[in-house]
């Protein structure tokens, strides 16, 4: 009858109001939805890098309370994650990097597992109360945290789904799925996985952290992971002129409006030659503060020149094949086979052995715990005197250069 006909007509040609609702209150074009998804993912990565990472975990910046509340709420809505959990796990990652106690090291678990199951490794560590108690100090513990975020871990996700459906309609489901995937894919997978497996390294720190790409717009500057591990408390991740940290751009913009305060950035060495000067405590402190730069300079000015000279003299020697990495990389990152190859190379080439041993002795100076400045200064003087008597020109020049390091006045 007529009623049946009306129903069929409604299904075949639904009213305009229903059609409009299918695409949400905003009723965007295809590229409008793409842009909305992109912006939302960028807000998520902004929340991770600015709030969770640089503000809460390392105190490199102080965000305005308004931004802290907004980012905390956004993280809860897009992942159900609590600030204390993320910060605790990240701090533990730095404390035990590339060891059995590291919650998500691809050097331990393998790249595939961290890439595909990084979120599962994170959730597993959140159940470790010792981790939360030891590394979660200073994170929010207010009424909102206890009564909203902690009590309703999935409340934010449900809220975000409803908002997406309301404003974006059916495409909002896809946007929601992209939002939910952003942290597991970018943070847990790419940063924690690839960022400790493949890429280039500006600094030979004691872990395997790498810089993934020089120009990253999708992961908030977190792709400069080696720089971050070299200077964990720096608000700015880029070091070299051509590196771009979009997170630092956000910080500078927020600073203009009084919404962010920079506490510290990575030191830059001040090298001012002072002929015939004796090493002093200021030189020592400057060297310790800039130790990552000092090691990098040692590699460029001592290790590699000697390596190239020895390689040229031993033309065709298979021991030099892929040996550069063995000389540069920290010993803790070399496996048994690599250490054996390194040992064989050093035993056959006295100059390489000398510069390698001098590098390790120099590292030991700033690694000493509970040692007075006077004792450290004497160790540095002894190192320089021995280097100057080594008979290796590049090593002698480097020892002289150490006298030129000074503390920045900025």
Protein backbone atom coordinates (compact mmCIF):
# COMPACT_ATOMS: atom_id res chain seq x y z
CA UNK A 1 0.00 0.00 0.00
CA UNK A 2 0.94 3.66 0.33
CA UNK A 3 2.85 3.13 3.58
CA UNK A 4 5.05 0.49 1.95
CA UNK A 5 5.64 2.78 -1.04
CA UNK A 6 6.68 5.67 1.26
CA UNK A 7 9.17 3.47 3.08
CA UNK A 8 10.72 2.27 -0.16
CA UNK A 9 10.94 5.85 -1.43
CA UNK A 10 12.57 6.98 1.89
CA UNK A 11 15.24 4.30 1.62
CA UNK A 12 15.87 4.91 -2.07
CA UNK A 13 15.93 8.70 -1.79
CA UNK A 14 16.42 9.73 1.86
CA UNK A 15 15.47 13.27 2.83
CA UNK A 16 18.11 15.96 2.30
CA UNK A 17 18.53 16.47 6.06
CA UNK A 18 19.56 12.81 6.47
CA UNK A 19 21.93 13.02 3.52
CA UNK A 20 23.51 16.10 5.01
CA UNK A 21 23.94 14.39 8.35
CA UNK A 22 25.78 11.50 6.70
CA UNK A 23 28.61 13.97 6.12
CA UNK A 24 28.39 15.69 9.49
CA UNK A 25 27.55 19.20 10.55
CA UNK A 26 30.58 20.56 8.70
CA UNK A 27 29.74 18.76 5.43
CA UNK A 28 33.30 19.09 4.08
CA UNK A 29 34.69 18.15 0.71
CA UNK A 30 36.91 15.09 0.34
CA UNK A 31 40.07 17.18 0.74
CA UNK A 32 38.43 18.95 3.66
CA UNK A 33 38.20 15.64 5.51
CA UNK A 34 41.79 14.82 4.59
CA UNK A 35 42.93 18.18 5.96
CA UNK A 36 40.89 17.69 9.14
CA UNK A 37 42.52 14.28 9.73
CA UNK A 38 45.98 15.71 9.09
CA UNK A 39 45.43 18.61 11.51
CA UNK A 40 44.12 16.30 14.22
CA UNK A 41 47.11 13.98 13.91
CA UNK A 42 49.41 17.01 14.09
CA UNK A 43 47.69 18.15 17.28
CA UNK A 44 48.26 14.68 18.71
CA UNK A 45 51.96 14.76 17.83
CA UNK A 46 52.17 18.30 19.20
CA UNK A 47 50.69 17.05 22.47
CA UNK A 48 53.18 14.19 22.59
CA UNK A 49 56.34 16.15 21.80
CA UNK A 50 55.52 19.39 23.65
CA UNK A 51 53.49 18.24 26.63
CA UNK A 52 54.38 14.63 27.37
CA UNK A 53 57.98 14.71 26.19
CA UNK A 54 59.60 18.14 26.50
CA UNK A 55 57.44 19.54 29.30
CA UNK A 56 56.55 16.60 31.55
CA UNK A 57 59.27 14.00 30.97
CA UNK A 58 62.35 16.22 30.70
CA UNK A 59 61.24 19.65 31.99
CA UNK A 60 62.98 21.24 29.02
CA UNK A 61 60.07 23.68 28.72
CA UNK A 62 57.29 24.95 30.94
CA UNK A 63 53.95 25.11 29.16
CA UNK A 64 51.21 27.45 30.31
CA UNK A 65 48.56 25.62 32.44
CA UNK A 66 46.00 26.21 29.69
CA UNK A 67 48.13 24.30 27.18
CA UNK A 68 48.91 21.58 29.71
CA UNK A 69 45.22 21.00 30.41
CA UNK A 70 44.32 21.03 26.72
CA UNK A 71 47.08 18.60 25.70
CA UNK A 72 46.36 16.28 28.63
CA UNK A 73 42.69 16.21 27.63
CA UNK A 74 43.57 15.64 23.95
CA UNK A 75 45.90 12.73 24.76
CA UNK A 76 43.14 11.16 26.88
CA UNK A 77 40.65 11.57 24.01
CA UNK A 78 42.89 10.17 21.29
CA UNK A 79 44.55 7.30 23.17
CA UNK A 80 43.13 6.92 26.69
CA UNK A 81 46.72 7.42 27.86
CA UNK A 82 47.64 8.92 31.24
CA UNK A 83 50.47 11.41 31.60
CA UNK A 84 52.09 9.53 34.46
CA UNK A 85 52.25 6.30 32.49
CA UNK A 86 53.83 7.80 29.39
CA UNK A 87 56.34 9.87 31.34
CA UNK A 88 57.34 6.95 33.58
CA UNK A 89 57.97 4.61 30.68
CA UNK A 90 59.91 7.22 28.73
CA UNK A 91 62.13 8.12 31.68
CA UNK A 92 62.81 4.43 32.28
CA UNK A 93 63.70 4.10 28.59
CA UNK A 94 66.40 6.76 29.03
CA UNK A 95 67.65 5.26 32.29
CA UNK A 96 68.07 1.74 30.86
CA UNK A 97 68.36 2.39 27.14
CA UNK A 98 69.21 -0.69 25.02
CA UNK A 99 69.28 -3.00 28.06
CA UNK A 100 66.94 -5.74 29.24
CA UNK A 101 65.15 -3.15 31.39
CA UNK A 102 64.40 -0.86 28.45
CA UNK A 103 60.62 -1.11 27.89
CA UNK A 104 60.81 -0.89 24.10
CA UNK A 105 64.30 -1.26 22.62
CA UNK A 106 64.50 -2.81 19.13
CA UNK A 107 68.05 -3.81 20.03
CA UNK A 108 66.50 -6.15 22.63
CA UNK A 109 63.08 -7.07 21.23
CA UNK A 110 63.83 -6.71 17.53
CA UNK A 111 62.63 -4.03 15.15
CA UNK A 112 59.60 -6.00 13.93
CA UNK A 113 58.17 -6.45 17.40
CA UNK A 114 58.63 -2.80 18.40
CA UNK A 115 57.20 -1.59 15.10
CA UNK A 116 54.14 -3.86 15.15
CA UNK A 117 53.63 -4.39 18.88
CA UNK A 118 55.02 -1.20 20.39
CA UNK A 119 51.64 -0.32 21.90
CA UNK A 120 51.46 -3.76 23.54
CA UNK A 121 54.93 -3.30 25.04
CA UNK A 122 53.76 0.07 26.38
CA UNK A 123 50.62 -1.39 27.95
CA UNK A 124 52.61 -4.20 29.50
CA UNK A 125 54.95 -1.74 31.20
CA UNK A 126 52.04 0.34 32.54
CA UNK A 127 51.24 -2.65 34.76
CA UNK A 128 54.62 -2.32 36.48
CA UNK A 129 53.83 -0.32 39.62
CA UNK A 130 57.53 0.06 40.43
CA UNK A 131 58.08 1.88 37.13
CA UNK A 132 55.20 4.28 37.79
CA UNK A 133 56.30 5.01 41.36
CA UNK A 134 60.00 5.48 40.59
CA UNK A 135 59.80 7.41 37.32
CA UNK A 136 56.42 9.11 37.48
CA UNK A 137 57.21 11.81 40.02
CA UNK A 138 56.06 15.33 39.28
CA UNK A 139 53.29 14.36 36.88
CA UNK A 140 49.67 15.58 37.37
CA UNK A 141 47.83 14.21 40.41
CA UNK A 142 44.92 16.63 40.64
CA UNK A 143 41.14 16.17 40.86
CA UNK A 144 40.78 15.77 37.10
CA UNK A 145 43.47 13.08 36.95
CA UNK A 146 42.02 11.07 39.84
CA UNK A 147 38.31 11.44 39.14
CA UNK A 148 38.08 11.73 35.35
CA UNK A 149 41.13 10.50 33.46
CA UNK A 150 42.05 7.65 35.82
CA UNK A 151 38.49 6.49 36.51
CA UNK A 152 37.31 6.57 32.90
CA UNK A 153 40.26 5.51 30.73
CA UNK A 154 38.01 4.98 27.69
CA UNK A 155 35.78 7.97 28.34
CA UNK A 156 37.87 10.30 26.20
CA UNK A 157 37.97 7.87 23.29
CA UNK A 158 34.18 7.51 23.34
CA UNK A 159 33.82 11.28 23.53
CA UNK A 160 36.13 11.75 20.55
CA UNK A 161 34.19 9.19 18.50
CA UNK A 162 30.90 11.00 19.20
CA UNK A 163 32.44 14.37 18.28
CA UNK A 164 33.85 12.96 15.03
CA UNK A 165 30.49 11.48 14.05
CA UNK A 166 28.70 14.72 14.91
CA UNK A 167 30.95 17.05 12.94
CA UNK A 168 32.22 14.75 10.17
CA UNK A 169 29.46 12.16 9.84
CA UNK A 170 30.34 8.78 8.34
CA UNK A 171 33.84 9.99 7.21
CA UNK A 172 34.41 10.74 10.88
CA UNK A 173 34.80 6.99 11.46
CA UNK A 174 37.84 6.97 9.19
CA UNK A 175 39.20 10.13 10.80
CA UNK A 176 38.71 8.54 14.22
CA UNK A 177 40.57 5.39 13.13
CA UNK A 178 43.47 7.51 11.85
CA UNK A 179 43.58 9.38 15.16
CA UNK A 180 43.65 6.14 17.14
CA UNK A 181 46.47 4.78 14.97
CA UNK A 182 48.68 7.87 15.06
CA UNK A 183 50.38 7.24 18.42
CA UNK A 184 50.87 3.46 18.01
CA UNK A 185 52.30 3.95 14.51
CA UNK A 186 54.31 7.15 14.86
CA UNK A 187 55.34 7.16 18.54
CA UNK A 188 55.43 3.49 19.53
CA UNK A 189 56.48 2.17 16.13
CA UNK A 190 58.53 4.67 14.15
CA UNK A 191 60.17 6.71 16.93
CA UNK A 192 60.82 3.87 19.39
CA UNK A 193 61.52 1.36 16.62
CA UNK A 194 63.19 2.90 13.58
CA UNK A 195 64.58 5.68 15.78
CA UNK A 196 66.78 3.10 17.53
CA UNK A 197 67.62 1.02 14.50
CA UNK A 198 68.19 2.92 11.26
CA UNK A 199 69.23 6.44 10.31
CA UNK A 200 72.17 8.79 10.70
CA UNK A 201 73.91 9.81 13.92
CA UNK A 202 75.35 13.19 14.76
CA UNK A 203 76.62 12.01 18.13
CA UNK A 204 78.02 8.70 19.34
CA UNK A 205 76.05 8.39 22.55
CA UNK A 206 75.93 5.14 24.52
CA UNK A 207 72.66 4.01 22.92
CA UNK A 208 71.65 3.25 19.35
CA UNK A 209 69.35 6.26 18.83
CA UNK A 210 69.33 7.65 15.29
CA UNK A 211 67.95 10.61 13.40
CA UNK A 212 65.43 9.15 10.99
CA UNK A 213 65.00 11.90 8.41
CA UNK A 214 66.29 15.46 8.30
CA UNK A 215 62.96 17.05 7.39
CA UNK A 216 60.01 15.60 9.28
CA UNK A 217 56.58 17.18 9.42
CA UNK A 218 54.57 14.25 10.74
CA UNK A 219 56.13 13.40 14.09
CA UNK A 220 56.75 16.74 15.75
CA UNK A 221 60.54 16.81 15.50
CA UNK A 222 60.83 13.46 17.28
CA UNK A 223 62.56 12.06 14.21
CA UNK A 224 65.74 13.81 15.46
CA UNK A 225 66.08 11.08 18.06
CA UNK A 226 69.86 10.82 18.19
CA UNK A 227 70.11 14.53 18.93
CA UNK A 228 67.57 14.12 21.71
CA UNK A 229 69.42 11.22 23.33
CA UNK A 230 72.67 13.17 23.16
CA UNK A 231 71.00 16.14 24.93
CA UNK A 232 67.86 14.78 26.65
CA UNK A 233 66.95 17.99 28.50
CA UNK A 234 67.21 20.25 25.45
CA UNK A 235 63.97 21.89 24.32
CA UNK A 236 65.31 22.05 20.77
CA UNK A 237 66.02 18.79 18.95
CA UNK A 238 67.69 20.14 15.81
CA UNK A 239 71.46 20.62 15.97
CA UNK A 240 72.81 21.03 12.45
CA UNK A 241 71.77 23.98 10.30
CA UNK A 242 69.81 21.93 7.79
CA UNK A 243 67.85 19.98 10.41
CA UNK A 244 64.28 21.09 11.06
CA UNK A 245 62.43 20.57 14.34
CA UNK A 246 58.80 21.56 13.89
CA UNK A 247 58.29 21.12 17.64
CA UNK A 248 60.77 23.95 18.22
CA UNK A 249 58.75 26.09 15.82
CA UNK A 250 55.65 25.45 17.93
CA UNK A 251 57.56 26.37 21.08
CA UNK A 252 58.77 29.65 19.63
CA UNK A 253 55.24 30.54 18.49
CA UNK A 254 53.74 29.73 21.89
CA UNK A 255 56.53 31.70 23.58
CA UNK A 256 55.50 34.82 21.68
CA UNK A 257 52.14 34.67 23.46
CA UNK A 258 53.53 33.76 26.87
CA UNK A 259 52.28 30.18 26.61
CA UNK A 260 55.67 28.46 26.79
CA UNK A 261 59.00 29.05 28.51
CA UNK A 262 62.25 27.44 27.39
CA UNK A 263 64.31 26.12 30.31
CA UNK A 264 67.36 24.85 28.44
CA UNK A 265 68.72 23.94 25.01
CA UNK A 266 71.69 21.86 23.91
CA UNK A 267 75.02 23.59 24.62
CA UNK A 268 77.15 24.89 21.81
CA UNK A 269 80.92 24.73 22.37
CA UNK A 270 82.77 28.01 22.70
CA UNK A 271 86.25 27.50 21.31
CA UNK A 272 88.61 30.42 21.76
CA UNK A 273 92.31 29.63 21.44
CA UNK A 274 94.41 30.89 24.34
CA UNK A 275 98.06 30.21 23.48
CA UNK A 276 100.35 28.86 26.18
CA UNK A 277 97.51 28.72 28.72
CA UNK A 278 97.30 25.97 31.32
CA UNK A 279 94.21 23.80 31.57
CA UNK A 280 91.89 25.04 34.30
CA UNK A 281 88.57 24.17 35.91
CA UNK A 282 86.63 26.23 33.37
CA UNK A 283 88.17 24.22 30.51
CA UNK A 284 87.25 21.04 32.36
CA UNK A 285 83.64 22.10 32.93
CA UNK A 286 83.27 23.25 29.33
CA UNK A 287 84.58 19.91 28.08
CA UNK A 288 82.20 17.96 30.32
CA UNK A 289 79.18 20.09 29.35
CA UNK A 290 80.06 19.74 25.67
CA UNK A 291 81.25 16.13 25.85
CA UNK A 292 79.04 15.00 22.94
CA UNK A 293 80.56 17.71 20.76
CA UNK A 294 84.05 16.81 22.01
CA UNK A 295 83.57 13.15 21.05
CA UNK A 296 82.22 14.17 17.66
CA UNK A 297 85.22 16.44 17.08
CA UNK A 298 87.59 13.68 18.18
CA UNK A 299 86.09 11.35 15.60
CA UNK A 300 86.39 13.92 12.80
CA UNK A 301 89.80 15.32 13.71
CA UNK A 302 91.63 12.30 15.12
CA UNK A 303 90.03 8.89 14.54
CA UNK A 304 89.02 9.27 10.89
CA UNK A 305 92.25 10.92 9.66
CA UNK A 306 94.35 8.19 11.29
CA UNK A 307 91.98 5.54 9.92
CA UNK A 308 92.30 6.88 6.38
CA UNK A 309 96.09 7.03 6.64
CA UNK A 310 96.35 3.45 7.94
CA UNK A 311 93.87 2.22 5.33
CA UNK A 312 95.89 3.80 2.52
CA UNK A 313 99.10 2.21 3.81
CA UNK A 314 97.43 -1.20 4.07
CA UNK A 315 95.82 -1.14 0.63
CA UNK A 316 93.68 -4.21 0.03
CA UNK A 317 93.63 -5.31 3.67
CA UNK A 318 90.22 -6.91 4.27
CA UNK A 319 90.35 -5.91 7.95
CA UNK A 320 89.52 -2.33 6.95
CA UNK A 321 86.29 -3.30 5.22
CA UNK A 322 83.37 -1.73 7.13
CA UNK A 323 85.81 -1.02 9.97
CA UNK A 324 85.05 2.70 10.29
CA UNK A 325 81.86 2.02 12.25
CA UNK A 326 83.75 -0.25 14.66
CA UNK A 327 86.13 2.57 15.57
CA UNK A 328 83.41 5.20 15.97
CA UNK A 329 80.58 3.33 17.70
CA UNK A 330 80.61 3.05 21.48
CA UNK A 331 81.86 -0.38 22.63
CA UNK A 332 78.61 -1.13 24.49
CA UNK A 333 76.78 -1.17 21.14
CA UNK A 334 79.07 -3.71 19.48
CA UNK A 335 78.25 -7.41 19.54
CA UNK A 336 80.79 -10.15 20.17
CA UNK A 337 81.66 -10.57 16.49
CA UNK A 338 82.17 -6.83 16.02
CA UNK A 339 84.35 -6.63 19.13
CA UNK A 340 86.48 -9.48 17.84
CA UNK A 341 86.97 -7.76 14.47
CA UNK A 342 87.81 -4.50 16.25
CA UNK A 343 90.34 -6.26 18.47
CA UNK A 344 92.06 -7.84 15.47
CA UNK A 345 92.23 -4.48 13.67
CA UNK A 346 93.69 -2.65 16.65
CA UNK A 347 96.24 -5.39 17.35
CA UNK A 348 97.62 -4.99 13.82
CA UNK A 349 97.73 -1.18 13.70
CA UNK A 350 99.38 0.61 16.58
CA UNK A 351 98.27 4.13 15.57
CA UNK A 352 94.60 3.09 15.47
CA UNK A 353 94.97 1.34 18.80
CA UNK A 354 96.51 4.46 20.32
CA UNK A 355 93.80 6.89 19.19
CA UNK A 356 91.08 4.41 20.15
CA UNK A 357 92.48 3.97 23.66
CA UNK A 358 92.88 7.70 24.09
CA UNK A 359 89.23 8.22 23.16
CA UNK A 360 88.13 5.73 25.79
CA UNK A 361 90.35 7.34 28.42
CA UNK A 362 88.92 10.74 27.60
CA UNK A 363 85.37 9.40 27.98
CA UNK A 364 86.26 7.97 31.38
CA UNK A 365 87.16 11.43 32.65
CA UNK A 366 83.62 12.78 32.42
CA UNK A 367 82.08 9.44 33.34
CA UNK A 368 83.62 9.46 36.81
CA UNK A 369 81.05 9.73 39.58
CA UNK A 370 81.67 11.53 42.89
CA UNK A 371 85.11 12.70 41.80
CA UNK A 372 86.34 16.19 42.74
CA UNK A 373 87.05 18.81 40.13
CA UNK A 374 90.69 18.86 41.20
CA UNK A 375 91.10 15.15 40.52
CA UNK A 376 89.25 15.33 37.21
CA UNK A 377 91.38 18.30 36.17
CA UNK A 378 94.56 16.39 36.95
CA UNK A 379 93.29 13.44 34.91
CA UNK A 380 92.61 15.79 31.99
CA UNK A 381 96.07 17.33 32.26
CA UNK A 382 97.65 13.88 32.31
CA UNK A 383 95.62 12.88 29.26
CA UNK A 384 96.76 15.96 27.35
CA UNK A 385 100.41 15.48 28.28
CA UNK A 386 100.32 11.85 27.15
CA UNK A 387 98.49 12.79 23.93
CA UNK A 388 101.06 15.47 23.14
CA UNK A 389 103.80 12.88 23.55
CA UNK A 390 102.04 10.25 21.41
CA UNK A 391 103.82 11.12 18.17
CA UNK A 392 100.46 11.26 16.32
CA UNK A 393 100.03 14.77 14.93
CA UNK A 394 96.23 14.84 14.87
CA UNK A 395 96.08 13.62 18.48
CA UNK A 396 98.62 16.21 19.58
CA UNK A 397 96.61 18.98 17.89
CA UNK A 398 93.42 17.79 19.54
CA UNK A 399 95.02 17.89 22.98
CA UNK A 400 96.00 21.49 22.31
CA UNK A 401 92.46 22.25 21.13
CA UNK A 402 90.98 21.08 24.44
CA UNK A 403 92.60 24.07 26.13
CA UNK A 404 90.40 26.31 23.97
CA UNK A 405 87.03 25.09 25.30
CA UNK A 406 85.20 27.65 27.41
CA UNK A 407 81.79 27.88 29.02
CA UNK A 408 79.16 29.86 27.15
CA UNK A 409 78.20 33.17 28.73
CA UNK A 410 74.65 33.03 27.28
